[in-house]
C-alpha cells in the first residue's frame, strides 16, 4: 500500500457521515469507493452528469490486486462516454490536503486536454467548491444558469480537477475550453506508469489558491471522472479510497508527487 496509508492502518471510524463518507480521527474524511457489493456502483455516490445527451461511463465496485493483495476498488469503463461519480460533503471538512490512488492500463489514443474536440482522460479526481457567484463576470453567471437549467442542479463556483494527461507535463494547469471556473492540474503524464497503482497527495488549498487567485470556499464534493466521448475510444481505470486530511495528519507526510504501489 502507499506510504500515506500507514498512518490510517490503526484508525477507528468515529462517526458515519453517509454511506460513502466517514469521519476519522483528526477530522480526516475517508471517501470510500468500495462501499457496495462487487459489481454494483459504490453506495453514497451520485452521478456526475456532463451532458444529458452523453452516454454515461460505467462505474462499479470490483476486486483488483493492490500491493499483491486483492482489494475492493472502483472500476470505471468508458466507451465513447462521459460521466463521473461524486460524493457531496456531509460536513464542511477542516481538511487542506487530499490523497488518492488510481490506475489505468492504457492511455487514450488521440486525447488532448488542450483541445475541446479531444478533451478526454483515463483518470481524474474532481473537487467542487462553493463561492459567491455574484462576483463572477456576466458570461460565467449565464453559463452557470444555462447549465443549471439543462442539468437540474446548481453549478459549483469553481472546480479543480487533478488529471492524468496524455502529453502535457506534470504541473501544467489547463483551463476548460468553455469556462474559466473549471481548471485541470496535471499530476501524471504519458504512458510511463500505466499498469501501476499510483498514490498522490496534494495540498488542494494551496493548489486552488495558486490556480484561481483566491482561497477556496467550502468544499462541496469530491468525485472521479473517466471519459472518452470526444475521441470515441474505450478506457478503463480503477480508483481507491480518497482521504481528506487535516493539517495535523498532513504533517505526517508531505509528498506531492506520485508513488508507485506495485
C-alpha atoms as a PDB file:
ATOM      1  CA  UNK A   1       0.000   0.000   0.000  1.00  0.00           C
ATOM      2  CA  UNK A   2       1.174   3.620  -0.408  1.00  0.00           C
ATOM      3  CA  UNK A   3       3.219   5.213   2.312  1.00  0.00           C
ATOM      4  CA  UNK A   4       0.486   7.612   3.385  1.00  0.00           C
ATOM      5  CA  UNK A   5      -1.824   4.699   4.194  1.00  0.00           C
ATOM      6  CA  UNK A   6       0.416   3.677   7.096  1.00  0.00           C
ATOM      7  CA  UNK A   7      -0.958   6.481   9.248  1.00  0.00           C
ATOM      8  CA  UNK A   8      -4.524   5.198   8.752  1.00  0.00           C
ATOM      9  CA  UNK A   9      -3.965   1.495   9.479  1.00  0.00           C
ATOM     10  CA  UNK A  10      -4.793   1.932  13.175  1.00  0.00           C
ATOM     11  CA  UNK A  11      -7.668   4.383  12.801  1.00  0.00           C
ATOM     12  CA  UNK A  12     -11.085   3.662  14.260  1.00  0.00           C
ATOM     13  CA  UNK A  13     -14.049   5.202  12.485  1.00  0.00           C
ATOM     14  CA  UNK A  14     -15.784   7.639  14.826  1.00  0.00           C
ATOM     15  CA  UNK A  15     -18.986   8.831  13.141  1.00  0.00           C
ATOM     16  CA  UNK A  16     -20.651   7.610   9.954  1.00  0.00           C
ATOM     17  CA  UNK A  17     -21.423  10.663   7.826  1.00  0.00           C
ATOM     18  CA  UNK A  18     -23.012   8.891   4.854  1.00  0.00           C
ATOM     19  CA  UNK A  19     -22.736   5.588   3.023  1.00  0.00           C
ATOM     20  CA  UNK A  20     -19.613   6.864   1.285  1.00  0.00           C
ATOM     21  CA  UNK A  21     -18.010   9.245   3.796  1.00  0.00           C
ATOM     22  CA  UNK A  22     -16.744   8.546   7.313  1.00  0.00           C
ATOM     23  CA  UNK A  23     -15.084  10.872   9.804  1.00  0.00           C
ATOM     24  CA  UNK A  24     -11.834   9.562  11.240  1.00  0.00           C
ATOM     25  CA  UNK A  25      -9.521  10.884  13.988  1.00  0.00           C
ATOM     26  CA  UNK A  26      -8.007  14.345  13.489  1.00  0.00           C
ATOM     27  CA  UNK A  27     -11.152  15.089  11.417  1.00  0.00           C
ATOM     28  CA  UNK A  28      -9.821  13.280   8.341  1.00  0.00           C
ATOM     29  CA  UNK A  29     -12.587  12.276   5.938  1.00  0.00           C
ATOM     30  CA  UNK A  30     -12.441   8.995   4.063  1.00  0.00           C
ATOM     31  CA  UNK A  31     -14.452   8.838   0.837  1.00  0.00           C
ATOM     32  CA  UNK A  32     -14.968   5.138   0.167  1.00  0.00           C
ATOM     33  CA  UNK A  33     -15.012   3.891  -3.418  1.00  0.00           C
ATOM     34  CA  UNK A  34     -15.942   0.376  -2.334  1.00  0.00           C
ATOM     35  CA  UNK A  35     -18.987   0.736  -0.049  1.00  0.00           C
ATOM     36  CA  UNK A  36     -21.146  -1.697  -2.047  1.00  0.00           C
ATOM     37  CA  UNK A  37     -21.236  -5.348  -3.127  1.00  0.00           C
ATOM     38  CA  UNK A  38     -18.999  -6.370  -6.015  1.00  0.00           C
ATOM     39  CA  UNK A  39     -20.470  -5.391  -9.365  1.00  0.00           C
ATOM     40  CA  UNK A  40     -22.610  -2.538  -8.045  1.00  0.00           C
ATOM     41  CA  UNK A  41     -21.984   1.237  -8.027  1.00  0.00           C
ATOM     42  CA  UNK A  42     -20.471   2.487  -4.741  1.00  0.00           C
ATOM     43  CA  UNK A  43     -23.074   3.361  -2.120  1.00  0.00           C
ATOM     44  CA  UNK A  44     -23.491   7.042  -1.357  1.00  0.00           C
ATOM     45  CA  UNK A  45     -22.064   8.267  -4.661  1.00  0.00           C
ATOM     46  CA  UNK A  46     -24.145  10.283  -7.126  1.00  0.00           C
ATOM     47  CA  UNK A  47     -23.891  10.538 -10.925  1.00  0.00           C
ATOM     48  CA  UNK A  48     -21.829  13.471 -12.163  1.00  0.00           C
ATOM     49  CA  UNK A  49     -23.564  14.283 -15.436  1.00  0.00           C
ATOM     50  CA  UNK A  50     -21.574  16.249 -18.003  1.00  0.00           C
ATOM     51  CA  UNK A  51     -24.428  16.495 -20.503  1.00  0.00           C
ATOM     52  CA  UNK A  52     -27.718  14.633 -20.542  1.00  0.00           C
ATOM     53  CA  UNK A  53     -27.245  13.567 -24.167  1.00  0.00           C
ATOM     54  CA  UNK A  54     -23.886  11.900 -23.453  1.00  0.00           C
ATOM     55  CA  UNK A  55     -23.524   8.153 -22.931  1.00  0.00           C
ATOM     56  CA  UNK A  56     -22.554   7.525 -19.318  1.00  0.00           C
ATOM     57  CA  UNK A  57     -19.338   5.880 -18.184  1.00  0.00           C
ATOM     58  CA  UNK A  58     -19.944   2.679 -16.200  1.00  0.00           C
ATOM     59  CA  UNK A  59     -18.778   2.570 -12.562  1.00  0.00           C
ATOM     60  CA  UNK A  60     -18.861  -0.460 -10.268  1.00  0.00           C
ATOM     61  CA  UNK A  61     -17.048  -1.949  -7.288  1.00  0.00           C
ATOM     62  CA  UNK A  62     -14.604  -4.723  -8.167  1.00  0.00           C
ATOM     63  CA  UNK A  63     -11.601  -6.636  -6.850  1.00  0.00           C
ATOM     64  CA  UNK A  64      -8.131  -5.620  -8.010  1.00  0.00           C
ATOM     65  CA  UNK A  65      -4.717  -6.611  -6.699  1.00  0.00           C
ATOM     66  CA  UNK A  66      -3.062  -3.700  -4.888  1.00  0.00           C
ATOM     67  CA  UNK A  67       0.387  -4.394  -3.447  1.00  0.00           C
ATOM     68  CA  UNK A  68      -0.231  -8.094  -4.183  1.00  0.00           C
ATOM     69  CA  UNK A  69      -3.443  -8.096  -2.119  1.00  0.00           C
ATOM     70  CA  UNK A  70      -6.983  -8.407  -3.531  1.00  0.00           C
ATOM     71  CA  UNK A  71      -8.622  -5.080  -2.712  1.00  0.00           C
ATOM     72  CA  UNK A  72     -12.092  -3.645  -3.313  1.00  0.00           C
ATOM     73  CA  UNK A  73     -11.798  -0.635  -5.616  1.00  0.00           C
ATOM     74  CA  UNK A  74     -13.935   1.378  -8.019  1.00  0.00           C
ATOM     75  CA  UNK A  75     -13.777   0.296 -11.662  1.00  0.00           C
ATOM     76  CA  UNK A  76     -14.544   2.807 -14.441  1.00  0.00           C
ATOM     77  CA  UNK A  77     -15.245   1.687 -18.011  1.00  0.00           C
ATOM     78  CA  UNK A  78     -15.733   4.346 -20.687  1.00  0.00           C
ATOM     79  CA  UNK A  79     -16.868   3.601 -24.237  1.00  0.00           C
ATOM     80  CA  UNK A  80     -17.357   6.855 -26.161  1.00  0.00           C
ATOM     81  CA  UNK A  81     -18.864   8.092 -22.904  1.00  0.00           C
ATOM     82  CA  UNK A  82     -18.600  10.928 -20.396  1.00  0.00           C
ATOM     83  CA  UNK A  83     -19.870  10.953 -16.833  1.00  0.00           C
ATOM     84  CA  UNK A  84     -18.429  10.725 -13.366  1.00  0.00           C
ATOM     85  CA  UNK A  85     -19.409   9.943  -9.809  1.00  0.00           C
ATOM     86  CA  UNK A  86     -19.231  12.339  -6.894  1.00  0.00           C
ATOM     87  CA  UNK A  87     -19.931  12.476  -3.170  1.00  0.00           C
ATOM     88  CA  UNK A  88     -21.388  15.641  -1.595  1.00  0.00           C
ATOM     89  CA  UNK A  89     -19.607  16.560   1.627  1.00  0.00           C
ATOM     90  CA  UNK A  90     -21.982  15.983   4.578  1.00  0.00           C
ATOM     91  CA  UNK A  91     -19.936  18.380   6.717  1.00  0.00           C
ATOM     92  CA  UNK A  92     -17.557  21.213   5.949  1.00  0.00           C
ATOM     93  CA  UNK A  93     -14.195  19.407   6.173  1.00  0.00           C
ATOM     94  CA  UNK A  94     -11.352  21.066   8.048  1.00  0.00           C
ATOM     95  CA  UNK A  95      -9.018  19.315   5.632  1.00  0.00           C
ATOM     96  CA  UNK A  96      -6.444  21.033   3.460  1.00  0.00           C
ATOM     97  CA  UNK A  97      -4.968  18.052   1.631  1.00  0.00           C
ATOM     98  CA  UNK A  98      -6.268  15.140  -0.402  1.00  0.00           C
ATOM     99  CA  UNK A  99      -4.784  11.708  -1.054  1.00  0.00           C
ATOM    100  CA  UNK A 100      -5.937   9.086  -3.516  1.00  0.00           C
ATOM    101  CA  UNK A 101      -4.853   6.136  -5.634  1.00  0.00           C
ATOM    102  CA  UNK A 102      -5.671   5.280  -9.220  1.00  0.00           C
ATOM    103  CA  UNK A 103      -4.589   3.058 -12.061  1.00  0.00           C
ATOM    104  CA  UNK A 104      -5.074   2.811 -15.799  1.00  0.00           C
ATOM    105  CA  UNK A 105      -3.578   0.215 -18.113  1.00  0.00           C
ATOM    106  CA  UNK A 106      -3.518   2.319 -21.288  1.00  0.00           C
ATOM    107  CA  UNK A 107      -3.636   5.907 -22.442  1.00  0.00           C
ATOM    108  CA  UNK A 108      -6.438   7.153 -24.702  1.00  0.00           C
ATOM    109  CA  UNK A 109      -5.318   7.423 -28.356  1.00  0.00           C
ATOM    110  CA  UNK A 110      -5.777  10.934 -29.688  1.00  0.00           C
ATOM    111  CA  UNK A 111      -6.683  12.512 -26.355  1.00  0.00           C
ATOM    112  CA  UNK A 112      -5.509  16.109 -25.889  1.00  0.00           C
ATOM    113  CA  UNK A 113      -6.691  18.136 -22.895  1.00  0.00           C
ATOM    114  CA  UNK A 114      -5.839  21.398 -24.631  1.00  0.00           C
ATOM    115  CA  UNK A 115      -8.364  20.769 -27.447  1.00  0.00           C
ATOM    116  CA  UNK A 116     -12.119  20.871 -26.919  1.00  0.00           C
ATOM    117  CA  UNK A 117     -12.667  18.120 -29.506  1.00  0.00           C
ATOM    118  CA  UNK A 118     -10.203  15.714 -27.836  1.00  0.00           C
ATOM    119  CA  UNK A 119     -10.534  16.614 -24.158  1.00  0.00           C
ATOM    120  CA  UNK A 120     -10.583  13.091 -22.662  1.00  0.00           C
ATOM    121  CA  UNK A 121      -8.622  11.465 -19.835  1.00  0.00           C
ATOM    122  CA  UNK A 122      -8.486   7.973 -18.302  1.00  0.00           C
ATOM    123  CA  UNK A 123      -8.401   9.209 -14.698  1.00  0.00           C
ATOM    124  CA  UNK A 124      -9.467  12.394 -12.965  1.00  0.00           C
ATOM    125  CA  UNK A 125     -10.199  13.388  -9.371  1.00  0.00           C
ATOM    126  CA  UNK A 126     -12.666  16.273  -9.152  1.00  0.00           C
ATOM    127  CA  UNK A 127     -13.125  18.797  -6.314  1.00  0.00           C
ATOM    128  CA  UNK A 128     -16.081  21.215  -6.377  1.00  0.00           C
ATOM    129  CA  UNK A 129     -16.109  24.429  -4.326  1.00  0.00           C
ATOM    130  CA  UNK A 130     -18.690  26.956  -3.194  1.00  0.00           C
ATOM    131  CA  UNK A 131     -18.286  30.704  -3.590  1.00  0.00           C
ATOM    132  CA  UNK A 132     -20.025  33.997  -4.292  1.00  0.00           C
ATOM    133  CA  UNK A 133     -21.436  33.596  -7.803  1.00  0.00           C
ATOM    134  CA  UNK A 134     -22.362  37.292  -7.939  1.00  0.00           C
ATOM    135  CA  UNK A 135     -18.654  38.135  -8.142  1.00  0.00           C
ATOM    136  CA  UNK A 136     -18.257  36.310 -11.441  1.00  0.00           C
ATOM    137  CA  UNK A 137     -18.408  38.027 -14.846  1.00  0.00           C
ATOM    138  CA  UNK A 138     -21.805  38.054 -16.556  1.00  0.00           C
ATOM    139  CA  UNK A 139     -20.668  35.427 -19.077  1.00  0.00           C
ATOM    140  CA  UNK A 140     -19.802  32.967 -16.312  1.00  0.00           C
ATOM    141  CA  UNK A 141     -23.080  33.607 -14.480  1.00  0.00           C
ATOM    142  CA  UNK A 142     -25.022  32.998 -17.689  1.00  0.00           C
ATOM    143  CA  UNK A 143     -23.134  29.759 -18.327  1.00  0.00           C
ATOM    144  CA  UNK A 144     -23.874  28.606 -14.775  1.00  0.00           C
ATOM    145  CA  UNK A 145     -27.570  29.415 -15.176  1.00  0.00           C
ATOM    146  CA  UNK A 146     -27.745  27.605 -18.517  1.00  0.00           C
ATOM    147  CA  UNK A 147     -26.045  24.553 -17.001  1.00  0.00           C
ATOM    148  CA  UNK A 148     -28.479  24.636 -14.069  1.00  0.00           C
ATOM    149  CA  UNK A 149     -31.469  24.605 -16.408  1.00  0.00           C
ATOM    150  CA  UNK A 150     -30.036  21.796 -18.539  1.00  0.00           C
ATOM    151  CA  UNK A 151     -28.784  19.581 -15.722  1.00  0.00           C
ATOM    152  CA  UNK A 152     -31.275  20.444 -12.989  1.00  0.00           C
ATOM    153  CA  UNK A 153     -28.647  21.329 -10.390  1.00  0.00           C
ATOM    154  CA  UNK A 154     -26.594  24.328  -9.363  1.00  0.00           C
ATOM    155  CA  UNK A 155     -23.086  24.515 -10.716  1.00  0.00           C
ATOM    156  CA  UNK A 156     -20.215  24.946  -8.242  1.00  0.00           C
ATOM    157  CA  UNK A 157     -18.447  28.274  -8.007  1.00  0.00           C
ATOM    158  CA  UNK A 158     -15.202  26.605  -9.088  1.00  0.00           C
ATOM    159  CA  UNK A 159     -13.966  23.111  -9.914  1.00  0.00           C
ATOM    160  CA  UNK A 160     -10.389  21.866  -9.528  1.00  0.00           C
ATOM    161  CA  UNK A 161      -9.532  18.657 -11.379  1.00  0.00           C
ATOM    162  CA  UNK A 162      -6.416  16.528 -10.924  1.00  0.00           C
ATOM    163  CA  UNK A 163      -5.806  14.652 -14.169  1.00  0.00           C
ATOM    164  CA  UNK A 164      -3.614  12.087 -15.917  1.00  0.00           C
ATOM    165  CA  UNK A 165      -2.836  13.735 -19.233  1.00  0.00           C
ATOM    166  CA  UNK A 166      -1.653  12.119 -22.434  1.00  0.00           C
ATOM    167  CA  UNK A 167       1.229  14.512 -23.092  1.00  0.00           C
ATOM    168  CA  UNK A 168       1.088  17.756 -21.080  1.00  0.00           C
ATOM    169  CA  UNK A 169       3.901  17.911 -18.473  1.00  0.00           C
ATOM    170  CA  UNK A 170       3.202  17.334 -14.788  1.00  0.00           C
ATOM    171  CA  UNK A 171       2.342  20.650 -13.147  1.00  0.00           C
ATOM    172  CA  UNK A 172       0.615  22.089 -16.218  1.00  0.00           C
ATOM    173  CA  UNK A 173      -2.657  23.910 -15.496  1.00  0.00           C
ATOM    174  CA  UNK A 174      -5.242  23.605 -18.278  1.00  0.00           C
ATOM    175  CA  UNK A 175      -8.285  25.863 -18.489  1.00  0.00           C
ATOM    176  CA  UNK A 176     -11.584  24.391 -19.598  1.00  0.00           C
ATOM    177  CA  UNK A 177     -12.461  25.358 -23.160  1.00  0.00           C
ATOM    178  CA  UNK A 178     -15.914  26.634 -22.133  1.00  0.00           C
ATOM    179  CA  UNK A 179     -15.486  28.235 -18.714  1.00  0.00           C
ATOM    180  CA  UNK A 180     -12.718  29.720 -16.593  1.00  0.00           C
ATOM    181  CA  UNK A 181     -14.327  28.206 -13.479  1.00  0.00           C
ATOM    182  CA  UNK A 182     -13.086  24.698 -14.287  1.00  0.00           C
ATOM    183  CA  UNK A 183      -9.338  24.112 -14.327  1.00  0.00           C
ATOM    184  CA  UNK A 184      -7.236  20.965 -14.515  1.00  0.00           C
ATOM    185  CA  UNK A 185      -3.853  20.343 -12.933  1.00  0.00           C
ATOM    186  CA  UNK A 186      -1.748  17.590 -14.474  1.00  0.00           C
ATOM    187  CA  UNK A 187      -0.361  15.218 -11.826  1.00  0.00           C
ATOM    188  CA  UNK A 188       0.618  12.380 -14.186  1.00  0.00           C
ATOM    189  CA  UNK A 189       1.656  12.499 -17.831  1.00  0.00           C
ATOM    190  CA  UNK A 190       2.152   9.976 -20.594  1.00  0.00           C
ATOM    191  CA  UNK A 191       2.279   6.176 -20.629  1.00  0.00           C
ATOM    192  CA  UNK A 192       5.381   5.566 -18.495  1.00  0.00           C
ATOM    193  CA  UNK A 193       3.406   4.456 -15.414  1.00  0.00           C
ATOM    194  CA  UNK A 194       0.416   2.714 -16.969  1.00  0.00           C
ATOM    195  CA  UNK A 195      -0.341  -0.650 -15.394  1.00  0.00           C
ATOM    196  CA  UNK A 196       0.701   0.520 -11.921  1.00  0.00           C
ATOM    197  CA  UNK A 197      -1.229   1.673  -8.886  1.00  0.00           C
ATOM    198  CA  UNK A 198      -0.098   5.220  -8.140  1.00  0.00           C
ATOM    199  CA  UNK A 199      -0.734   7.252  -4.997  1.00  0.00           C
ATOM    200  CA  UNK A 200      -0.889  11.035  -4.723  1.00  0.00           C
ATOM    201  CA  UNK A 201      -1.057  13.662  -2.017  1.00  0.00           C
ATOM    202  CA  UNK A 202      -1.942  17.257  -2.884  1.00  0.00           C
ATOM    203  CA  UNK A 203      -2.450  20.388  -0.795  1.00  0.00           C
ATOM    204  CA  UNK A 204      -5.639  21.344  -2.585  1.00  0.00           C
ATOM    205  CA  UNK A 205      -5.998  24.639  -0.700  1.00  0.00           C
ATOM    206  CA  UNK A 206      -2.580  25.713  -1.979  1.00  0.00           C
ATOM    207  CA  UNK A 207      -3.271  24.436  -5.491  1.00  0.00           C
ATOM    208  CA  UNK A 208      -6.655  26.161  -5.656  1.00  0.00           C
ATOM    209  CA  UNK A 209      -5.249  29.458  -4.397  1.00  0.00           C
ATOM    210  CA  UNK A 210      -2.442  29.411  -6.960  1.00  0.00           C
ATOM    211  CA  UNK A 211      -4.739  28.431  -9.830  1.00  0.00           C
ATOM    212  CA  UNK A 212      -7.794  30.608  -9.133  1.00  0.00           C
ATOM    213  CA  UNK A 213      -6.018  33.508  -7.430  1.00  0.00           C
ATOM    214  CA  UNK A 214      -8.023  33.372  -4.192  1.00  0.00           C
ATOM    215  CA  UNK A 215      -8.528  30.970  -1.271  1.00  0.00           C
ATOM    216  CA  UNK A 216     -11.165  28.274  -1.813  1.00  0.00           C
ATOM    217  CA  UNK A 217     -14.642  28.390  -0.364  1.00  0.00           C
ATOM    218  CA  UNK A 218     -16.353  25.395   1.186  1.00  0.00           C
ATOM    219  CA  UNK A 219     -15.540  22.049  -0.415  1.00  0.00           C
ATOM    220  CA  UNK A 220     -18.899  20.874  -1.761  1.00  0.00           C
ATOM    221  CA  UNK A 221     -17.922  17.447  -3.000  1.00  0.00           C
ATOM    222  CA  UNK A 222     -15.300  15.066  -4.335  1.00  0.00           C
ATOM    223  CA  UNK A 223     -15.608  12.905  -7.425  1.00  0.00           C
ATOM    224  CA  UNK A 224     -13.928  10.846 -10.128  1.00  0.00           C
ATOM    225  CA  UNK A 225     -14.245  11.127 -13.887  1.00  0.00           C
ATOM    226  CA  UNK A 226     -13.176   8.829 -16.732  1.00  0.00           C
ATOM    227  CA  UNK A 227     -14.330   9.906 -20.199  1.00  0.00           C
ATOM    228  CA  UNK A 228     -13.807   9.150 -23.898  1.00  0.00           C
ATOM    229  CA  UNK A 229     -16.726  10.967 -25.522  1.00  0.00           C
ATOM    230  CA  UNK A 230     -14.584  13.217 -27.723  1.00  0.00           C
ATOM    231  CA  UNK A 231     -12.099  10.642 -29.022  1.00  0.00           C
ATOM    232  CA  UNK A 232     -14.762   7.891 -29.319  1.00  0.00           C
ATOM    233  CA  UNK A 233     -12.335   5.460 -27.700  1.00  0.00           C
ATOM    234  CA  UNK A 234     -12.525   2.998 -24.826  1.00  0.00           C
ATOM    235  CA  UNK A 235     -10.750   3.372 -21.489  1.00  0.00           C
ATOM    236  CA  UNK A 236     -10.583   1.577 -18.161  1.00  0.00           C
ATOM    237  CA  UNK A 237      -9.465   2.926 -14.809  1.00  0.00           C
ATOM    238  CA  UNK A 238      -9.540   1.933 -11.151  1.00  0.00           C
ATOM    239  CA  UNK A 239      -9.805   4.235  -8.134  1.00  0.00           C
ATOM    240  CA  UNK A 240      -9.038   3.554  -4.482  1.00  0.00           C
ATOM    241  CA  UNK A 241     -10.444   5.375  -1.457  1.00  0.00           C
ATOM    242  CA  UNK A 242      -9.978   9.137  -1.227  1.00  0.00           C
ATOM    243  CA  UNK A 243      -8.718  10.716   2.016  1.00  0.00           C
ATOM    244  CA  UNK A 244      -9.145  14.357   3.013  1.00  0.00           C
ATOM    245  CA  UNK A 245      -6.504  15.231   5.586  1.00  0.00           C
ATOM    246  CA  UNK A 246      -6.211  17.977   8.183  1.00  0.00           C
ATOM    247  CA  UNK A 247      -3.018  19.931   8.771  1.00  0.00           C
ATOM    248  CA  UNK A 248      -2.140  17.539  11.602  1.00  0.00           C
ATOM    249  CA  UNK A 249      -2.450  14.393   9.519  1.00  0.00           C
ATOM    250  CA  UNK A 250      -0.834  16.055   6.516  1.00  0.00           C
ATOM    251  CA  UNK A 251       2.204  16.895   8.646  1.00  0.00           C
ATOM    252  CA  UNK A 252       2.974  13.177   8.810  1.00  0.00           C
ATOM    253  CA  UNK A 253       3.889  13.206   5.145  1.00  0.00           C
ATOM    254  CA  UNK A 254       4.463  15.987   2.629  1.00  0.00           C
ATOM    255  CA  UNK A 255       4.718  14.120  -0.662  1.00  0.00           C
ATOM    256  CA  UNK A 256       3.096  15.989  -3.552  1.00  0.00           C
ATOM    257  CA  UNK A 257       4.017  13.601  -6.337  1.00  0.00           C
ATOM    258  CA  UNK A 258       3.081  10.089  -7.415  1.00  0.00           C
ATOM    259  CA  UNK A 259       4.295   6.977  -5.649  1.00  0.00           C
ATOM    260  CA  UNK A 260       4.143   3.601  -7.370  1.00  0.00           C
ATOM    261  CA  UNK A 261       2.491   0.913  -5.257  1.00  0.00           C
ATOM    262  CA  UNK A 262       3.114  -2.119  -7.425  1.00  0.00           C
END
